[in-house]
């Protein structure tokens, strides 16, 4: 079964910075040329009932394959509201559809994303500045 390698990511709430995952099978980059869909599932560590699924098949996808599918890369390009204040630590899982069958890429481990709150200050003129 394929697995992947990624670091624990620490991001600020509201971040739109791309996160790239490289998927592996048997310690080799997994070629995604035959893949037709990918998804990333995020679960809150402090609220196990919270699960958010982002798919490359969504109407406005924030998950995508790299243009070079042989590179084994999948990208998460968060929207402004994907990572919100108070989310804390998220556990993530990657699934890829190949020949109409889903394969999970978390066999050996899951990945983590720590969402740090985006603190703001308000001045008397009601403008908000991100610190």
Protein backbone atom coordinates (compact mmCIF):
# COMPACT_ATOMS: atom_id res chain seq x y z
CA UNK A 1 0.00 0.00 0.00
CA UNK A 2 1.34 3.48 -0.85
CA UNK A 3 2.35 5.95 1.81
CA UNK A 4 3.59 9.53 1.82
CA UNK A 5 6.10 11.67 3.65
CA UNK A 6 5.47 15.16 4.86
CA UNK A 7 6.54 17.43 7.65
CA UNK A 8 4.31 18.79 10.33
CA UNK A 9 3.16 22.15 9.03
CA UNK A 10 2.63 25.21 11.21
CA UNK A 11 0.52 27.88 9.57
CA UNK A 12 -1.34 31.02 10.58
CA UNK A 13 -5.14 31.13 10.41
CA UNK A 14 -6.21 32.70 7.13
CA UNK A 15 -3.01 31.66 5.37
CA UNK A 16 -3.28 31.02 1.65
CA UNK A 17 0.22 29.60 1.36
CA UNK A 18 0.48 26.44 -0.75
CA UNK A 19 1.29 23.17 1.01
CA UNK A 20 2.79 20.45 -1.19
CA UNK A 21 2.78 16.75 -0.39
CA UNK A 22 4.90 14.15 -2.18
CA UNK A 23 3.40 10.66 -2.16
CA UNK A 24 5.60 7.57 -1.88
CA UNK A 25 5.22 3.81 -2.36
CA UNK A 26 8.03 1.44 -1.38
CA UNK A 27 10.31 4.43 -0.72
CA UNK A 28 9.87 5.64 -4.32
CA UNK A 29 7.92 8.66 -5.50
CA UNK A 30 4.47 7.44 -6.49
CA UNK A 31 3.63 8.17 -10.14
CA UNK A 32 0.16 9.74 -10.28
CA UNK A 33 -0.30 9.64 -14.08
CA UNK A 34 -3.19 7.13 -13.74
CA UNK A 35 -4.85 9.04 -10.88
CA UNK A 36 -8.13 10.79 -11.65
CA UNK A 37 -8.96 12.44 -8.30
CA UNK A 38 -7.31 13.25 -5.00
CA UNK A 39 -8.66 14.39 -1.67
CA UNK A 40 -7.33 15.66 1.61
CA UNK A 41 -9.31 14.97 4.79
CA UNK A 42 -8.65 17.16 7.81
CA UNK A 43 -9.80 16.29 11.33
CA UNK A 44 -9.53 18.46 14.43
CA UNK A 45 -7.55 16.81 17.19
CA UNK A 46 -9.66 18.60 19.83
CA UNK A 47 -12.97 17.76 18.09
CA UNK A 48 -12.89 14.31 16.42
CA UNK A 49 -16.39 14.77 14.98
CA UNK A 50 -15.09 17.63 12.79
CA UNK A 51 -13.95 16.36 9.39
CA UNK A 52 -13.48 18.51 6.32
CA UNK A 53 -12.89 16.89 2.92
CA UNK A 54 -11.29 18.81 0.07
CA UNK A 55 -11.28 17.16 -3.35
CA UNK A 56 -9.75 17.90 -6.72
CA UNK A 57 -13.30 17.29 -8.05
CA UNK A 58 -14.84 20.14 -6.01
CA UNK A 59 -16.44 22.96 -8.07
CA UNK A 60 -13.69 25.32 -6.89
CA UNK A 61 -10.93 22.91 -5.88
CA UNK A 62 -8.19 23.84 -3.43
CA UNK A 63 -6.59 20.39 -3.82
CA UNK A 64 -4.83 19.55 -7.08
CA UNK A 65 -2.30 17.30 -8.74
CA UNK A 66 1.01 18.78 -9.79
CA UNK A 67 1.18 19.43 -13.55
CA UNK A 68 3.94 16.79 -13.64
CA UNK A 69 1.92 13.87 -12.27
CA UNK A 70 4.97 11.59 -12.32
CA UNK A 71 6.41 13.79 -9.53
CA UNK A 72 3.90 12.30 -7.06
CA UNK A 73 2.95 15.75 -5.80
CA UNK A 74 -0.41 16.97 -4.57
CA UNK A 75 -1.02 20.61 -3.65
CA UNK A 76 -3.31 22.19 -1.09
CA UNK A 77 -3.98 25.85 -1.96
CA UNK A 78 -6.11 27.02 0.97
CA UNK A 79 -8.87 29.56 0.61
CA UNK A 80 -8.83 32.44 3.10
CA UNK A 81 -11.31 30.57 5.35
CA UNK A 82 -9.78 27.07 5.14
CA UNK A 83 -7.69 27.51 8.30
CA UNK A 84 -9.50 29.49 11.00
CA UNK A 85 -8.72 30.78 14.48
CA UNK A 86 -9.27 28.16 17.17
CA UNK A 87 -8.67 25.13 14.93
CA UNK A 88 -5.50 24.07 16.72
CA UNK A 89 -3.94 20.81 15.57
CA UNK A 90 -5.43 19.08 12.54
CA UNK A 91 -4.72 15.51 11.50
CA UNK A 92 -4.71 14.95 7.77
CA UNK A 93 -5.13 12.05 5.39
CA UNK A 94 -4.62 11.82 1.63
CA UNK A 95 -6.68 9.60 -0.69
CA UNK A 96 -6.11 9.13 -4.41
CA UNK A 97 -8.48 7.57 -6.94
CA UNK A 98 -6.81 5.28 -9.49
CA UNK A 99 -8.84 3.10 -11.89
CA UNK A 100 -12.04 3.93 -9.95
CA UNK A 101 -10.54 2.67 -6.67
CA UNK A 102 -9.50 4.83 -3.73
CA UNK A 103 -6.05 4.37 -2.18
CA UNK A 104 -5.16 5.82 1.21
CA UNK A 105 -1.74 7.38 1.58
CA UNK A 106 -1.63 7.31 5.39
CA UNK A 107 -0.64 3.73 5.98
CA UNK A 108 2.46 4.51 8.03
CA UNK A 109 1.44 7.88 9.44
CA UNK A 110 -0.88 10.83 9.14
CA UNK A 111 0.30 14.39 8.68
CA UNK A 112 -0.34 17.28 11.02
CA UNK A 113 -1.14 20.93 10.48
CA UNK A 114 -0.96 23.24 13.49
CA UNK A 115 -3.15 26.29 12.89
CA UNK A 116 -1.97 29.25 14.92
CA UNK A 117 -4.46 31.99 15.63
CA UNK A 118 -4.16 35.12 13.52
CA UNK A 119 -4.20 37.84 16.14
CA UNK A 120 -5.50 41.22 15.07
CA UNK A 121 -5.70 44.59 16.76
CA UNK A 122 -8.37 47.21 16.20
CA UNK A 123 -7.64 50.92 16.42
CA UNK A 124 -10.13 53.62 17.30
CA UNK A 125 -10.67 54.28 13.59
CA UNK A 126 -11.88 50.68 13.17
CA UNK A 127 -9.08 49.51 10.94
CA UNK A 128 -7.64 46.09 11.51
CA UNK A 129 -3.94 45.32 11.30
CA UNK A 130 -2.60 41.78 11.14
CA UNK A 131 0.42 41.27 13.37
